[in-house]
Amino acid sequence: MSRMCTKIKAIYNSFIQETKGNDDASVRVQEKVQEVLREKKQELDWQEFEQYRDQIYEVSSAAEEAGFINGFKYAVMLMAECYARDFKTIEEL
């Protein structure tokens, strides 16, 4: 993992600690996970369900983190592009 990704991951972990999963995106993800789990609960015995639930939460957490990191990178690239355009416009004046 690159240093940049490590730093972005630290920002993400700090964000999660502050929001404790109460932001809109996390709430929507949790609602979807609960929906999937409700359907599976009828199909599996207790131990299989517990393992399935743990796997779902692990995948959900990894996807949420990866989405944050990719979104953060995209936002930084977009800001850099905007600043570069502004700087070029100033130079042309």
Protein backbone atom coordinates (compact mmCIF):
# COMPACT_ATOMS: atom_id res chain seq x y z
CA MET A 1 0.00 0.00 0.00
CA SER A 2 1.38 3.42 -0.94
CA ARG A 3 2.05 6.12 1.64
CA MET A 4 -0.78 8.16 0.16
CA CYS A 5 -3.25 5.29 0.57
CA THR A 6 -2.03 4.75 4.12
CA LYS A 7 -2.66 8.41 4.95
CA ILE A 8 -6.08 8.39 3.29
CA LYS A 9 -6.94 5.22 5.22
CA ALA A 10 -5.95 7.00 8.45
CA ILE A 11 -8.28 9.88 7.50
CA TYR A 12 -11.04 7.35 6.82
CA ASN A 13 -10.51 5.62 10.17
CA SER A 14 -10.59 8.98 11.94
CA PHE A 15 -13.79 9.87 10.06
CA ILE A 16 -15.41 6.59 11.08
CA GLN A 17 -14.45 7.17 14.71
CA GLU A 18 -16.04 10.63 14.62
CA THR A 19 -19.24 9.68 12.80
CA LYS A 20 -19.51 6.18 14.28
CA GLY A 21 -21.22 5.08 11.06
CA ASN A 22 -24.05 7.61 11.37
CA ASP A 23 -23.42 9.38 8.06
CA ASP A 24 -25.99 8.90 5.27
CA ALA A 25 -23.86 6.48 3.23
CA SER A 26 -23.14 4.23 6.22
CA VAL A 27 -26.78 4.21 7.24
CA ARG A 28 -27.85 3.17 3.72
CA VAL A 29 -25.21 0.41 3.65
CA GLN A 30 -26.32 -0.88 7.05
CA GLU A 31 -29.96 -0.91 5.94
CA LYS A 32 -29.06 -2.95 2.85
CA VAL A 33 -26.94 -5.38 4.89
CA GLN A 34 -29.84 -5.86 7.32
CA GLU A 35 -32.20 -6.50 4.41
CA VAL A 36 -29.91 -9.18 2.97
CA LEU A 37 -29.42 -10.74 6.39
CA ARG A 38 -33.18 -10.89 7.07
CA GLU A 39 -33.63 -12.91 3.88
CA LYS A 40 -30.75 -15.28 4.68
CA LYS A 41 -31.77 -15.82 8.30
CA GLN A 42 -34.65 -17.98 7.15
CA GLU A 43 -32.40 -20.17 4.98
CA LEU A 44 -29.47 -20.94 7.29
CA ASP A 45 -29.02 -22.50 10.70
CA TRP A 46 -27.74 -20.27 13.49
CA GLN A 47 -24.00 -21.06 13.12
CA GLU A 48 -24.04 -20.72 9.31
CA PHE A 49 -25.96 -17.47 9.64
CA GLU A 50 -23.40 -16.07 12.11
CA GLN A 51 -20.54 -16.90 9.70
CA TYR A 52 -22.45 -15.43 6.77
CA ARG A 53 -23.24 -12.27 8.74
CA ASP A 54 -19.58 -11.80 9.68
CA GLN A 55 -18.53 -12.23 6.04
CA ILE A 56 -21.14 -9.74 4.83
CA TYR A 57 -19.98 -7.14 7.36
CA GLU A 58 -16.33 -7.73 6.44
CA VAL A 59 -17.04 -7.23 2.72
CA SER A 60 -19.25 -4.23 3.45
CA SER A 61 -16.55 -2.60 5.55
CA ALA A 62 -13.84 -3.21 2.95
CA ALA A 63 -16.04 -1.83 0.16
CA GLU A 64 -16.94 1.27 2.18
CA GLU A 65 -13.26 1.95 2.92
CA ALA A 66 -12.22 1.41 -0.71
CA GLY A 67 -15.01 3.73 -1.88
CA PHE A 68 -13.84 6.43 0.52
CA ILE A 69 -10.22 6.10 -0.62
CA ASN A 70 -11.12 6.18 -4.31
CA GLY A 71 -13.50 9.10 -3.81
CA PHE A 72 -10.85 11.00 -1.86
CA LYS A 73 -8.27 10.45 -4.63
CA TYR A 74 -10.76 11.55 -7.28
CA ALA A 75 -11.66 14.69 -5.33
CA VAL A 76 -7.98 15.62 -4.92
CA MET A 77 -7.33 15.11 -8.65
CA LEU A 78 -10.37 17.23 -9.48
CA MET A 79 -9.22 20.02 -7.15
CA ALA A 80 -5.71 19.89 -8.65
CA GLU A 81 -7.18 20.18 -12.14
CA CYS A 82 -9.30 23.16 -11.09
CA TYR A 83 -6.32 24.91 -9.48
CA ALA A 84 -4.17 24.21 -12.56
CA ARG A 85 -6.82 25.79 -14.80
CA ASP A 86 -7.08 28.81 -12.50
CA PHE A 87 -3.30 29.18 -12.42
CA LYS A 88 -3.10 28.93 -16.22
CA THR A 89 -5.84 31.58 -16.56
CA ILE A 90 -3.93 33.91 -14.23
CA GLU A 91 -0.74 33.41 -16.25
CA GLU A 92 -2.56 34.31 -19.47
CA LEU A 93 -3.66 37.65 -18.00
